[in-house]
Amino acid sequence: MTEVTEALGVSRKSLSSIGHAGISPEMAIRLSMAFETSAESWLNQQSMFRSLASGATALIIFIV
């Protein structure tokens, strides 16, 4: 984890927060530079994840 945080230039706390808070625009830029992708691709993936997660939550509520 130390190598990743150093490569991204962030703290361990910031990296861990992705799981709770999602990818911020600033983090998307850092990830895009580290993985030679676009920031937009990271933000799109975050958006798709949230859409899928909210749909799964709605399905669980409906079933219960």
Foldseek 3Di string as FASTA:
>chain_A
DVVVCVQLVHDPVVVVCCVPPNADLSNLPSVCVSVVHHSVVRVVVRVVVVVVVVVVVVVVVVVD
